[in-house]
Amino acid sequence: MLDGFLFKGRQKAAVEPLRNLRANWQSTLDGVQRYGGCGLCDSAIPLVAARVTNLYEAKMWSQLFYDSIVPFDTKSRAAMKRAGYSSPAQDFLAMNRELFADIRKLSDTHGLTIPDLSRLDTPGAVNRQLREPAGGQPLSRVVDKIFYRP
């Protein structure tokens, strides 16, 4: 409940992950700061909550580990499964390891650097007024766009 209003439907599923994050904020922040890696360079995806089962948890962790954790939603989860990756709702960390392993193969095959991969998602293609962030998009956002179709 927030300001006397009950959460319903989709919003309700975000409340518990955010409560857990708030309760464990300092240890979570310490883990994020210690990690300092990226899914392309480091095959050891950071450990997150024991089970990530919904899109709100996935998006929350992808914001914290923005170059190593790929979020999912209902449509992208189905596309990931069709593409042969582990179901993100069943084994979120395995799905991320598999995705980044394939991105590493793509990078090695075509000689792409992290900045090259980060620039695969071009905001200006959506709206000419949008500019690419300095250094490109976080890798997790670029990979997410492969599967997400609004």
Protein backbone atom coordinates (compact mmCIF):
# COMPACT_ATOMS: atom_id res chain seq x y z
CA MET A 1 0.00 0.00 0.00
CA LEU A 2 1.25 3.50 -0.84
CA ASP A 3 -0.49 6.64 0.39
CA GLY A 4 -3.65 4.65 1.09
CA PHE A 5 -3.78 2.97 -2.34
CA LEU A 6 -3.42 -0.77 -2.79
CA PHE A 7 -1.12 -2.10 -5.47
CA LYS A 8 -2.94 -4.17 -8.06
CA GLY A 9 -1.98 -6.35 -10.99
CA ARG A 10 1.46 -5.79 -12.43
CA GLN A 11 2.58 -3.24 -9.83
CA LYS A 12 1.98 -5.74 -7.04
CA ALA A 13 4.69 -8.11 -8.37
CA ALA A 14 7.33 -5.37 -8.05
CA VAL A 15 6.72 -4.65 -4.37
CA GLU A 16 8.36 -7.73 -2.80
CA PRO A 17 11.62 -7.55 -4.80
CA LEU A 18 11.95 -3.86 -3.92
CA ARG A 19 11.27 -4.57 -0.24
CA ASN A 20 13.96 -7.25 -0.28
CA LEU A 21 16.38 -4.88 -1.98
CA ARG A 22 15.70 -2.20 0.62
CA ALA A 23 16.19 -4.68 3.47
CA ASN A 24 19.51 -5.85 1.98
CA TRP A 25 20.64 -2.63 0.37
CA GLN A 26 24.08 -2.28 1.96
CA SER A 27 25.18 -5.85 1.25
CA THR A 28 23.75 -5.60 -2.28
CA LEU A 29 25.57 -2.33 -2.91
CA ASP A 30 28.79 -3.84 -1.58
CA GLY A 31 28.39 -6.77 -3.99
CA VAL A 32 27.76 -4.45 -6.95
CA GLN A 33 30.82 -2.37 -6.11
CA ARG A 34 33.03 -5.45 -5.67
CA TYR A 35 31.91 -6.99 -8.96
CA GLY A 36 33.01 -4.25 -11.36
CA GLY A 37 32.94 -6.61 -14.36
CA CYS A 38 31.03 -7.01 -17.55
CA GLY A 39 29.28 -10.00 -19.07
CA LEU A 40 31.39 -9.82 -22.19
CA CYS A 41 34.76 -9.99 -20.42
CA ASP A 42 33.88 -12.11 -17.42
CA SER A 43 32.11 -15.43 -17.73
CA ALA A 44 31.31 -15.35 -14.00
CA ILE A 45 27.96 -13.57 -14.00
CA PRO A 46 27.46 -11.87 -10.62
CA LEU A 47 25.39 -13.82 -8.15
CA VAL A 48 22.04 -12.25 -7.43
CA ALA A 49 19.02 -13.39 -5.43
CA ALA A 50 18.74 -17.17 -5.27
CA ARG A 51 15.86 -17.17 -7.75
CA VAL A 52 14.77 -14.47 -10.16
CA THR A 53 11.31 -15.47 -11.29
CA ASN A 54 9.64 -12.33 -12.52
CA LEU A 55 10.42 -9.47 -14.83
CA TYR A 56 10.55 -6.92 -12.00
CA GLU A 57 13.34 -8.78 -10.22
CA ALA A 58 15.20 -9.20 -13.52
CA LYS A 59 14.92 -5.50 -14.35
CA MET A 60 16.00 -4.52 -10.85
CA TRP A 61 19.15 -6.69 -11.04
CA SER A 62 19.90 -5.52 -14.58
CA GLN A 63 19.91 -1.93 -13.33
CA LEU A 64 22.44 -2.80 -10.66
CA PHE A 65 24.67 -5.00 -12.87
CA TYR A 66 23.98 -3.11 -16.10
CA ASP A 67 26.72 -4.67 -18.25
CA SER A 68 26.20 -8.24 -17.03
CA ILE A 69 22.53 -8.98 -16.33
CA VAL A 70 19.95 -8.94 -19.12
CA PRO A 71 16.34 -8.24 -18.12
CA PHE A 72 13.33 -9.94 -19.63
CA ASP A 73 9.65 -9.35 -20.04
CA THR A 74 6.86 -11.64 -21.16
CA LYS A 75 7.58 -11.30 -24.89
CA SER A 76 11.37 -11.41 -24.66
CA ARG A 77 11.21 -14.44 -22.33
CA ALA A 78 9.32 -16.36 -25.02
CA ALA A 79 11.80 -15.21 -27.70
CA MET A 80 14.75 -16.27 -25.54
CA LYS A 81 13.26 -19.72 -25.02
CA ARG A 82 12.53 -20.08 -28.76
CA ALA A 83 16.15 -19.14 -29.47
CA GLY A 84 17.28 -22.06 -27.31
CA TYR A 85 18.36 -20.22 -24.17
CA SER A 86 17.42 -21.38 -20.69
CA SER A 87 14.13 -19.96 -19.50
CA PRO A 88 14.96 -16.78 -17.60
CA ALA A 89 12.11 -17.43 -15.16
CA GLN A 90 13.47 -20.93 -14.42
CA ASP A 91 17.23 -20.30 -14.42
CA PHE A 92 17.94 -16.61 -14.77
CA LEU A 93 21.70 -16.83 -14.22
CA ALA A 94 22.12 -19.70 -16.73
CA MET A 95 20.23 -17.69 -19.35
CA ASN A 96 22.55 -14.73 -18.75
CA ARG A 97 25.69 -16.89 -18.97
CA GLU A 98 24.45 -18.41 -22.25
CA LEU A 99 23.59 -15.03 -23.76
CA PHE A 100 26.93 -13.49 -22.88
CA ALA A 101 28.81 -16.57 -24.11
CA ASP A 102 27.17 -16.05 -27.51
CA ILE A 103 27.92 -12.32 -27.43
CA ARG A 104 31.60 -13.18 -26.69
CA LYS A 105 31.61 -15.49 -29.75
CA LEU A 106 30.10 -12.70 -31.86
CA SER A 107 32.70 -10.28 -30.54
CA ASP A 108 35.59 -12.66 -31.22
CA THR A 109 34.35 -13.63 -34.69
CA HIS A 110 33.88 -10.04 -35.86
CA GLY A 111 36.56 -8.29 -33.80
CA LEU A 112 34.00 -6.19 -31.92
CA THR A 113 35.09 -4.29 -28.82
CA ILE A 114 32.83 -3.44 -25.89
CA PRO A 115 32.23 0.07 -27.29
CA ASP A 116 31.39 -1.51 -30.69
CA LEU A 117 28.82 -3.78 -29.08
CA SER A 118 27.45 -0.97 -26.92
CA ARG A 119 26.76 1.07 -30.02
CA LEU A 120 24.63 -1.63 -31.68
CA ASP A 121 21.60 -0.05 -30.03
CA THR A 122 21.25 3.37 -31.58
CA PRO A 123 18.63 5.56 -29.87
CA GLY A 124 18.65 8.01 -32.80
CA ALA A 125 17.11 5.32 -35.00
CA VAL A 126 14.00 5.52 -32.81
CA ASN A 127 13.89 9.29 -32.43
CA ARG A 128 16.35 11.70 -34.08
CA GLN A 129 16.42 13.87 -30.93
CA LEU A 130 17.72 11.01 -28.79
CA ARG A 131 21.47 10.78 -28.41
CA GLU A 132 23.62 7.78 -27.64
CA PRO A 133 25.04 7.88 -24.11
CA ALA A 134 28.78 8.52 -23.89
CA GLY A 135 30.45 5.14 -24.25
CA GLY A 136 27.35 3.54 -25.78
CA GLN A 137 24.44 1.75 -24.19
CA PRO A 138 24.97 -0.73 -21.34
CA LEU A 139 25.46 -4.19 -22.85
CA SER A 140 22.46 -5.62 -21.06
CA ARG A 141 20.20 -3.09 -22.83
CA VAL A 142 21.73 -3.90 -26.21
CA VAL A 143 21.23 -7.65 -25.73
CA ASP A 144 17.70 -7.10 -24.38
CA LYS A 145 16.76 -5.24 -27.60
CA ILE A 146 17.62 -8.36 -29.63
CA PHE A 147 14.67 -10.11 -28.00
CA TYR A 148 12.33 -7.24 -27.20
CA ARG A 149 9.87 -6.10 -29.80
CA PRO A 150 7.49 -3.41 -28.52
